[in-house]
Amino acid sequence: MPRLECFFDCSSPWTYLGFHNIQPLAAELGVEIGWRPILVGGLFNTVNPSVYHSREHPVPAKQRYMHKDLQDWARYTGIHITWPTSVFPVNSVRAMRGCIAAEPHGRLVPYARAAFEAYWGEDRDISQDEVLADVARTAELDPAEMAAAMAADEVKAALRGNTEELARRGGFGTPTFFVDGDDMYFGNDRMPLIRAALGS
C-alpha cells in the first residue's frame, strides 16, 4: 500500500486545489502518491446524504463566504477556478472512469488535470463526449480508445471498488488522503497536517 493515498473526484473544486497542492508536498518529501479515483456522488448516497440537503437549503452567508474562500485558495495555489455555469453538480462518472483507464498508460495525473481544468477552469461539461475527447487528447491519449475503456466492465468495477473502499475506511467526501493506510485527512486545507504526518 502506498504511504500516501489520494481519493478524488474531478467534480469538486476543493479537490482540484488538493490535487495541485499535494503534488509538490509529496515531491519535496520524496513520497509517491497512490491516486484513487472515486465517484463522490456514490459516496454521498452511501454515507453522506446531508450534502444534498445543504445544496437544497443553502445558507446565503455561508455560500458567499465559500465562494470567497475558494478564490482565496485558488490565488494562493496559483490556479484559476471559475464556478461552472454549464452544469453543477456535474455527472463525473465517465471522467472518473477515464482516470482509471488512463492509469495503465501512465497518464492518470495528466488526464485528471485536464478534466479538472476543463470543468473548473474552462466551464466545460465533463459529462459530454466531445469534452472528454479533448481531455483525452490533452493527456496525450487516444479519445476512441479512452471512450471504449470507460465502458469496460473492469474499469467500472475499479471505480466502484475505490468508492466502496473509501466508505469502508471512514471517508465521506473528496479529497480524502490517507497516510500509512489508516491515518485519514479530509480536505485541501489539511496539507500542513499531512506534511507533519509524513515527516514523522
Protein backbone atom coordinates (compact mmCIF):
# COMPACT_ATOMS: atom_id res chain seq x y z
CA MET A 1 0.00 0.00 0.00
CA PRO A 2 1.39 3.48 -0.88
CA ARG A 3 2.37 5.56 2.11
CA LEU A 4 0.22 8.43 0.78
CA GLU A 5 -3.11 7.88 -0.97
CA CYS A 6 -5.45 10.44 -2.50
CA PHE A 7 -9.09 9.56 -3.16
CA PHE A 8 -10.50 12.15 -5.53
CA ASP A 9 -13.31 13.16 -7.88
CA CYS A 10 -12.85 15.88 -10.53
CA SER A 11 -16.30 17.33 -9.81
CA SER A 12 -15.06 19.10 -6.65
CA PRO A 13 -13.23 22.46 -6.68
CA TRP A 14 -11.68 21.72 -3.30
CA THR A 15 -10.31 18.53 -4.77
CA TYR A 16 -8.87 20.50 -7.68
CA LEU A 17 -6.98 22.54 -5.09
CA GLY A 18 -5.93 19.45 -3.16
CA PHE A 19 -4.83 17.71 -6.37
CA HIS A 20 -2.44 20.58 -7.07
CA ASN A 21 -1.27 21.15 -3.51
CA ILE A 22 -0.48 17.55 -2.59
CA GLN A 23 1.88 17.01 -5.53
CA PRO A 24 4.68 19.45 -4.61
CA LEU A 25 4.40 18.40 -0.97
CA ALA A 26 4.86 14.74 -1.88
CA ALA A 27 7.70 15.54 -4.28
CA GLU A 28 9.51 17.58 -1.64
CA LEU A 29 9.27 14.71 0.84
CA GLY A 30 10.09 12.03 -1.72
CA VAL A 31 6.75 10.26 -1.28
CA GLU A 32 4.79 8.70 -4.13
CA ILE A 33 1.05 9.32 -4.31
CA GLY A 34 -1.35 6.46 -4.81
CA TRP A 35 -4.13 8.09 -6.83
CA ARG A 36 -7.58 6.57 -6.18
CA PRO A 37 -10.36 7.91 -8.44
CA ILE A 38 -13.83 7.67 -6.91
CA LEU A 39 -17.40 8.72 -7.67
CA VAL A 40 -18.24 11.18 -4.93
CA GLY A 41 -21.97 11.05 -5.68
CA GLY A 42 -21.93 7.36 -4.85
CA LEU A 43 -20.14 8.16 -1.60
CA PHE A 44 -22.73 10.81 -0.70
CA ASN A 45 -25.54 8.38 -1.44
CA THR A 46 -23.97 5.78 0.84
CA VAL A 47 -22.58 7.68 3.83
CA ASN A 48 -23.12 11.45 3.50
CA PRO A 49 -26.61 12.34 2.18
CA SER A 50 -26.57 15.58 4.21
CA VAL A 51 -24.72 17.14 1.25
CA TYR A 52 -27.93 17.08 -0.76
CA HIS A 53 -29.89 18.84 1.99
CA SER A 54 -27.29 21.61 2.20
CA ARG A 55 -27.48 22.11 -1.58
CA GLU A 56 -31.27 22.33 -1.49
CA HIS A 57 -31.28 24.67 1.53
CA PRO A 58 -28.09 26.77 1.31
CA VAL A 59 -27.20 29.35 3.94
CA PRO A 60 -26.61 32.56 1.94
CA ALA A 61 -23.86 33.95 4.17
CA LYS A 62 -22.06 30.62 4.16
CA GLN A 63 -22.38 30.37 0.37
CA ARG A 64 -20.93 33.85 -0.13
CA TYR A 65 -18.01 33.04 2.12
CA MET A 66 -17.43 29.68 0.44
CA HIS A 67 -17.02 31.39 -2.94
CA LYS A 68 -14.61 33.94 -1.43
CA ASP A 69 -12.67 31.18 0.33
CA LEU A 70 -12.44 29.21 -2.90
CA GLN A 71 -10.96 32.17 -4.77
CA ASP A 72 -8.56 32.92 -1.92
CA TRP A 73 -7.29 29.35 -2.10
CA ALA A 74 -7.12 29.46 -5.90
CA ARG A 75 -4.90 32.56 -5.78
CA TYR A 76 -2.74 31.01 -3.10
CA THR A 77 -2.39 27.80 -5.11
CA GLY A 78 -1.81 29.63 -8.39
CA ILE A 79 -4.67 28.12 -10.37
CA HIS A 80 -7.78 29.56 -11.99
CA ILE A 81 -11.19 28.41 -10.75
CA THR A 82 -14.48 29.55 -12.24
CA TRP A 83 -17.75 28.36 -10.76
CA PRO A 84 -19.45 26.36 -13.53
CA THR A 85 -22.39 27.90 -15.35
CA SER A 86 -22.70 24.89 -17.69
CA VAL A 87 -23.83 22.40 -15.03
CA PHE A 88 -23.35 21.88 -11.30
CA PRO A 89 -23.09 19.36 -9.89
CA VAL A 90 -21.74 17.55 -12.91
CA ASN A 91 -22.12 13.83 -13.60
CA SER A 92 -18.44 12.92 -13.38
CA VAL A 93 -18.76 9.15 -13.69
CA ARG A 94 -17.24 8.87 -17.18
CA ALA A 95 -14.46 11.35 -16.41
CA MET A 96 -13.54 9.34 -13.33
CA ARG A 97 -13.65 6.10 -15.31
CA GLY A 98 -11.29 7.90 -17.67
CA CYS A 99 -8.88 8.45 -14.81
CA ILE A 100 -8.97 4.71 -14.08
CA ALA A 101 -8.43 3.91 -17.77
CA ALA A 102 -5.53 6.38 -18.07
CA GLU A 103 -3.53 4.82 -15.23
CA PRO A 104 -2.15 1.79 -17.15
CA HIS A 105 -0.81 4.26 -19.73
CA GLY A 106 0.94 6.27 -17.02
CA ARG A 107 -1.34 9.22 -17.79
CA LEU A 108 -3.70 9.35 -14.81
CA VAL A 109 -2.36 12.64 -13.47
CA PRO A 110 -2.36 14.45 -16.86
CA TYR A 111 -5.86 13.14 -17.58
CA ALA A 112 -7.20 14.21 -14.19
CA ARG A 113 -5.53 17.61 -14.54
CA ALA A 114 -7.12 18.12 -17.95
CA ALA A 115 -10.54 17.10 -16.60
CA PHE A 116 -10.22 19.47 -13.63
CA GLU A 117 -9.14 22.32 -15.90
CA ALA A 118 -11.91 21.69 -18.42
CA TYR A 119 -14.60 21.85 -15.74
CA TRP A 120 -13.24 24.31 -13.18
CA GLY A 121 -11.05 26.43 -15.43
CA GLU A 122 -12.94 26.49 -18.73
CA ASP A 123 -16.55 25.91 -17.58
CA ARG A 124 -16.97 22.87 -19.84
CA ASP A 125 -19.31 19.98 -19.06
CA ILE A 126 -17.08 16.94 -18.47
CA SER A 127 -20.02 14.58 -18.89
CA GLN A 128 -20.08 15.34 -22.62
CA ASP A 129 -18.35 13.16 -25.21
CA GLU A 130 -16.63 15.99 -27.06
CA VAL A 131 -15.22 17.47 -23.85
CA LEU A 132 -13.91 14.09 -22.71
CA ALA A 133 -12.33 13.60 -26.13
CA ASP A 134 -10.48 16.91 -25.68
CA VAL A 135 -9.44 15.83 -22.17
CA ALA A 136 -8.00 12.63 -23.61
CA ARG A 137 -6.11 14.50 -26.33
CA THR A 138 -4.71 16.95 -23.78
CA ALA A 139 -3.45 13.97 -21.78
CA GLU A 140 -1.90 12.51 -24.98
CA LEU A 141 -4.35 9.61 -25.08
CA ASP A 142 -6.48 8.34 -27.95
CA PRO A 143 -10.10 9.54 -27.47
CA ALA A 144 -11.65 6.49 -29.12
CA GLU A 145 -9.60 4.09 -27.02
CA MET A 146 -10.49 6.00 -23.87
CA ALA A 147 -14.20 6.04 -24.73
CA ALA A 148 -14.12 2.27 -25.19
CA ALA A 149 -12.21 1.79 -21.93
CA MET A 150 -14.75 3.86 -19.99
CA ALA A 151 -17.42 1.36 -21.00
CA ALA A 152 -15.36 -1.68 -19.94
CA ASP A 153 -16.69 -3.69 -17.02
CA GLU A 154 -13.30 -3.84 -15.30
CA VAL A 155 -12.96 -0.04 -15.36
CA LYS A 156 -16.47 0.41 -13.98
CA ALA A 157 -15.73 -2.15 -11.26
CA ALA A 158 -12.47 -0.46 -10.30
CA LEU A 159 -14.16 2.93 -9.85
CA ARG A 160 -16.98 1.37 -7.85
CA GLY A 161 -14.44 -0.57 -5.77
CA ASN A 162 -12.44 2.56 -4.92
CA THR A 163 -15.62 4.37 -3.86
CA GLU A 164 -16.79 1.49 -1.68
CA GLU A 165 -13.34 1.14 -0.15
CA LEU A 166 -13.25 4.80 0.84
CA ALA A 167 -16.62 4.43 2.57
CA ARG A 168 -15.37 1.36 4.45
CA ARG A 169 -12.29 3.24 5.59
CA GLY A 170 -14.33 6.11 7.03
CA GLY A 171 -14.29 8.58 4.14
CA PHE A 172 -17.27 10.80 3.39
CA GLY A 173 -16.09 13.23 0.70
CA THR A 174 -13.25 14.38 -1.51
CA PRO A 175 -10.35 14.96 -1.39
CA THR A 176 -9.54 12.33 1.21
CA PHE A 177 -5.94 11.45 1.96
CA PHE A 178 -4.51 8.54 3.91
CA VAL A 179 -1.03 8.35 5.40
CA ASP A 180 0.28 4.89 6.19
CA GLY A 181 -3.01 3.20 5.47
CA ASP A 182 -5.27 4.35 8.29
CA ASP A 183 -4.39 7.96 9.14
CA MET A 184 -7.13 9.90 7.32
CA TYR A 185 -7.18 13.60 6.35
CA PHE A 186 -10.12 15.29 4.61
CA GLY A 187 -9.86 18.48 2.60
CA ASN A 188 -7.40 20.67 0.74
CA ASP A 189 -6.57 22.64 3.89
CA ARG A 190 -5.06 19.63 5.67
CA MET A 191 -1.70 19.90 3.87
CA PRO A 192 0.25 21.05 6.96
CA LEU A 193 -1.09 18.09 8.94
CA ILE A 194 -0.27 15.67 6.12
CA ARG A 195 3.25 17.11 5.93
CA ALA A 196 3.69 16.57 9.66
CA ALA A 197 2.36 13.02 9.45
CA LEU A 198 4.64 12.12 6.54
CA GLY A 199 7.61 13.63 8.33
CA SER A 200 7.08 11.61 11.48
